[in-house]
Amino acid sequence: MIDYWKGVHPDSGKVWSNDKDIIIAPFWTEDFCNELVDIAKFYDSKFTNHRQQNVDGSPLGYDGLYFSQISHFMFEDYVAHYTRDLLPIISKEWPLTRIGGWQSPFILKYSQQGKPNLAPHHDLSEVSLNIKLNSDYEGADLTFPRQEFNGKDTPIGHVTFWPSTVTHYHVVPNIKSGVKYSVTGWTWPSGAHEFHGLKNHK
């Protein structure tokens, strides 16, 4: 059984950087990310193509595996971790932002045999996040063209998060080799047809 709290980075919630409203901060340890990759490989056949409606109304598909499918307790721990360490950063950086709840984060997989990329899009989410789980691949770097940001050098286990609509459209270009695993998290309500979520009661 995976122990979520052992996987929390010791500097989580303590330090972060903000460049053009793209925040990067320590979140999980590399060992914990390795465990999530192992889980993703074990449940490889359970990844399904989910359909989200993009902000502009166009369809957006991705191969994902929800935390809530793996363990609802892990999802609850993620929400507690987010509440403790990320909400204070959000309050300081974007003080009028209120998080109404959380969609279950999900592991994304990019491969040449499966889903190799994501087209330019906005998320239907107040704040979105992404966490890189491995580095033994080439290509498929999270990219924000307007902010001239490329996530290639973001450390494993560091969270990248941003305001999701209007200004911060993003793209994941084709993977060139290997398999990339990352975690995406949206706030509620989101554009996913399958809602695995917890509301913020504060």
Protein backbone atom coordinates (compact mmCIF):
# COMPACT_ATOMS: atom_id res chain seq x y z
CA MET A 1 0.00 0.00 0.00
CA ILE A 2 1.36 3.41 -0.95
CA ASP A 3 1.91 5.84 1.97
CA TYR A 4 0.94 9.24 0.60
CA TRP A 5 2.35 11.37 3.42
CA LYS A 6 5.78 9.74 3.23
CA GLY A 7 5.86 10.97 -0.36
CA VAL A 8 5.36 14.65 0.46
CA HIS A 9 8.45 16.71 -0.35
CA PRO A 10 10.00 18.24 2.81
CA ASP A 11 9.91 21.72 1.21
CA SER A 12 6.32 21.43 0.02
CA GLY A 13 4.46 24.67 0.76
CA LYS A 14 7.64 26.43 1.92
CA VAL A 15 9.25 27.69 -1.29
CA TRP A 16 8.01 28.46 -4.78
CA SER A 17 8.74 30.60 -7.82
CA ASN A 18 6.31 32.57 -9.97
CA ASP A 19 7.10 33.49 -13.56
CA LYS A 20 4.25 35.04 -15.55
CA ASP A 21 1.72 33.39 -13.22
CA ILE A 22 3.19 29.93 -13.72
CA ILE A 23 4.13 28.73 -10.23
CA ILE A 24 6.61 25.92 -9.61
CA ALA A 25 7.04 24.39 -6.16
CA PRO A 26 8.27 21.16 -4.53
CA PHE A 27 5.36 18.78 -3.94
CA TRP A 28 6.31 15.07 -3.97
CA THR A 29 9.58 13.21 -3.52
CA GLU A 30 11.15 11.45 -6.48
CA ASP A 31 10.69 8.09 -4.69
CA PHE A 32 6.94 8.72 -4.46
CA CYS A 33 6.85 9.63 -8.16
CA ASN A 34 8.60 6.34 -8.93
CA GLU A 35 5.88 4.52 -6.96
CA LEU A 36 3.18 6.26 -9.00
CA VAL A 37 4.92 5.23 -12.23
CA ASP A 38 4.98 1.63 -10.97
CA ILE A 39 1.23 1.87 -10.23
CA ALA A 40 0.63 3.32 -13.70
CA LYS A 41 2.51 0.44 -15.30
CA PHE A 42 0.64 -2.12 -13.18
CA TYR A 43 -2.71 -0.64 -14.24
CA ASP A 44 -1.63 0.00 -17.83
CA SER A 45 -4.68 -1.72 -19.26
CA LYS A 46 -6.96 0.48 -17.11
CA PHE A 47 -5.94 3.75 -18.77
CA THR A 48 -8.91 5.00 -20.74
CA ASN A 49 -9.40 7.78 -23.25
CA HIS A 50 -11.38 10.48 -21.49
CA ARG A 51 -13.14 13.24 -23.37
CA GLN A 52 -13.14 16.82 -22.11
CA GLN A 53 -14.83 19.74 -23.80
CA ASN A 54 -12.28 22.47 -24.35
CA VAL A 55 -13.06 26.09 -23.42
CA ASP A 56 -13.64 26.85 -27.11
CA GLY A 57 -16.07 23.93 -27.38
CA SER A 58 -13.71 21.60 -29.21
CA PRO A 59 -13.18 18.03 -27.95
CA LEU A 60 -9.99 17.15 -26.09
CA GLY A 61 -9.02 13.53 -25.42
CA TYR A 62 -6.38 12.14 -23.07
CA ASP A 63 -5.32 8.75 -21.72
CA GLY A 64 -5.79 8.90 -17.96
CA LEU A 65 -6.00 6.90 -14.74
CA TYR A 66 -7.78 8.70 -11.86
CA PHE A 67 -6.46 8.60 -8.29
CA SER A 68 -10.04 7.93 -7.22
CA GLN A 69 -9.97 4.75 -9.32
CA ILE A 70 -6.75 3.61 -7.63
CA SER A 71 -7.64 4.64 -4.06
CA HIS A 72 -10.18 7.16 -2.82
CA PHE A 73 -8.07 7.53 0.33
CA MET A 74 -5.10 8.65 -1.79
CA PHE A 75 -7.36 11.23 -3.43
CA GLU A 76 -8.46 12.49 -0.01
CA ASP A 77 -4.81 12.75 1.10
CA TYR A 78 -4.01 14.73 -2.06
CA VAL A 79 -6.84 17.18 -1.25
CA ALA A 80 -5.55 17.56 2.34
CA HIS A 81 -2.02 18.13 1.01
CA TYR A 82 -3.27 20.66 -1.57
CA THR A 83 -5.30 22.46 1.11
CA ARG A 84 -2.33 22.65 3.49
CA ASP A 85 0.44 23.60 1.05
CA LEU A 86 -0.99 24.99 -2.20
CA LEU A 87 -4.03 26.98 -1.06
CA PRO A 88 -1.85 29.41 0.97
CA ILE A 89 0.34 30.01 -2.11
CA ILE A 90 -2.74 30.56 -4.27
CA SER A 91 -4.11 33.01 -1.67
CA LYS A 92 -0.86 35.01 -1.72
CA GLU A 93 -0.32 35.00 -5.48
CA TRP A 94 -3.95 35.25 -6.65
CA PRO A 95 -5.82 36.61 -3.59
CA LEU A 96 -9.32 36.72 -5.12
CA THR A 97 -9.22 33.10 -6.26
CA ARG A 98 -11.52 30.67 -4.46
CA ILE A 99 -11.17 26.95 -5.02
CA GLY A 100 -14.65 25.41 -4.98
CA GLY A 101 -13.41 21.83 -4.89
CA TRP A 102 -11.14 19.33 -6.57
CA GLN A 103 -11.49 16.84 -9.37
CA SER A 104 -9.53 13.69 -8.69
CA PRO A 105 -6.05 14.10 -10.16
CA PHE A 106 -5.15 11.59 -12.82
CA ILE A 107 -2.01 10.04 -14.22
CA LEU A 108 -1.45 10.89 -17.87
CA LYS A 109 0.53 8.68 -20.22
CA TYR A 110 2.13 9.83 -23.47
CA SER A 111 3.52 7.22 -25.83
CA GLN A 112 4.03 6.68 -29.54
CA GLN A 113 1.78 3.63 -29.34
CA GLY A 114 -1.01 5.51 -27.55
CA LYS A 115 -1.73 9.21 -27.04
CA PRO A 116 1.43 11.06 -28.22
CA ASN A 117 0.45 14.69 -27.53
CA LEU A 118 -2.17 17.23 -26.48
CA ALA A 119 -3.36 19.96 -28.82
CA PRO A 120 -3.29 23.63 -27.71
CA HIS A 121 -6.08 24.15 -25.18
CA HIS A 122 -7.34 25.82 -22.03
CA ASP A 123 -8.65 23.78 -19.09
CA LEU A 124 -12.12 24.24 -17.65
CA SER A 125 -10.64 24.69 -14.18
CA GLU A 126 -9.97 27.65 -11.89
CA VAL A 127 -6.40 26.46 -11.29
CA SER A 128 -4.69 23.56 -13.06
CA LEU A 129 -1.58 21.68 -12.06
CA ASN A 130 0.88 19.25 -13.57
CA ILE A 131 3.54 17.08 -11.91
CA LYS A 132 6.21 15.29 -13.92
CA LEU A 133 6.72 11.71 -12.67
CA ASN A 134 9.65 10.52 -14.79
CA SER A 135 12.37 11.80 -17.12
CA ASP A 136 13.37 8.79 -19.25
CA TYR A 137 11.67 10.05 -22.40
CA GLU A 138 12.13 12.72 -25.08
CA GLY A 139 9.60 15.30 -26.21
CA ALA A 140 6.07 15.87 -24.83
CA ASP A 141 7.18 18.86 -22.72
CA LEU A 142 4.40 20.93 -21.16
CA THR A 143 4.58 24.21 -23.07
CA PHE A 144 2.89 27.61 -22.67
CA PRO A 145 3.46 29.49 -25.96
CA ARG A 146 2.20 32.88 -24.74
CA GLN A 147 4.41 32.80 -21.63
CA GLU A 148 7.34 31.27 -23.58
CA PHE A 149 7.54 28.52 -20.94
CA ASN A 150 8.78 24.99 -21.48
CA GLY A 151 8.60 22.47 -18.64
CA LYS A 152 11.45 20.26 -19.83
CA ASP A 153 13.74 21.22 -16.92
CA THR A 154 11.08 21.11 -14.19
CA PRO A 155 12.31 18.62 -11.56
CA ILE A 156 10.45 15.34 -11.01
CA GLY A 157 7.92 15.79 -8.21
CA HIS A 158 7.70 19.59 -8.50
CA VAL A 159 4.22 20.92 -9.15
CA THR A 160 3.56 23.45 -11.91
CA PHE A 161 0.26 25.29 -11.51
CA TRP A 162 -1.44 28.20 -13.23
CA PRO A 163 -4.77 30.03 -13.80
CA SER A 164 -6.42 27.86 -16.38
CA THR A 165 -8.54 30.02 -18.63
CA VAL A 166 -8.00 32.93 -21.03
CA THR A 167 -4.27 33.63 -20.61
CA HIS A 168 -2.57 30.27 -20.08
CA TYR A 169 -3.35 28.04 -23.01
CA HIS A 170 -0.88 25.19 -23.25
CA VAL A 171 0.20 22.31 -25.43
CA VAL A 172 2.08 19.02 -25.16
CA PRO A 173 3.91 18.32 -28.44
CA ASN A 174 4.61 14.83 -29.75
CA ILE A 175 6.64 12.44 -27.65
CA LYS A 176 9.78 11.36 -29.53
CA SER A 177 10.89 8.34 -27.50
CA GLY A 178 10.04 6.49 -24.30
CA VAL A 179 6.85 6.90 -22.25
CA LYS A 180 6.05 10.03 -20.27
CA TYR A 181 3.99 9.87 -17.08
CA SER A 182 2.66 12.96 -15.34
CA VAL A 183 -0.17 13.89 -13.01
CA THR A 184 -2.77 16.52 -13.87
CA GLY A 185 -5.09 18.09 -11.31
CA TRP A 186 -8.09 20.34 -11.92
CA THR A 187 -10.25 22.31 -9.55
CA TRP A 188 -14.00 21.81 -9.54
CA PRO A 189 -16.11 22.23 -11.57
CA SER A 190 -14.11 20.94 -14.52
CA GLY A 191 -14.89 19.96 -18.07
CA ALA A 192 -14.52 16.22 -17.54
CA HIS A 193 -17.60 14.14 -18.25
CA GLU A 194 -16.58 11.72 -15.48
CA PHE A 195 -16.59 13.65 -12.21
CA HIS A 196 -14.56 12.16 -9.40
CA GLY A 197 -14.54 15.07 -7.00
CA LEU A 198 -14.55 16.57 -3.52
CA LYS A 199 -16.05 19.96 -2.72
CA ASN A 200 -14.28 22.59 -0.63
CA HIS A 201 -16.51 23.22 2.39
CA LYS A 202 -14.52 26.17 3.73
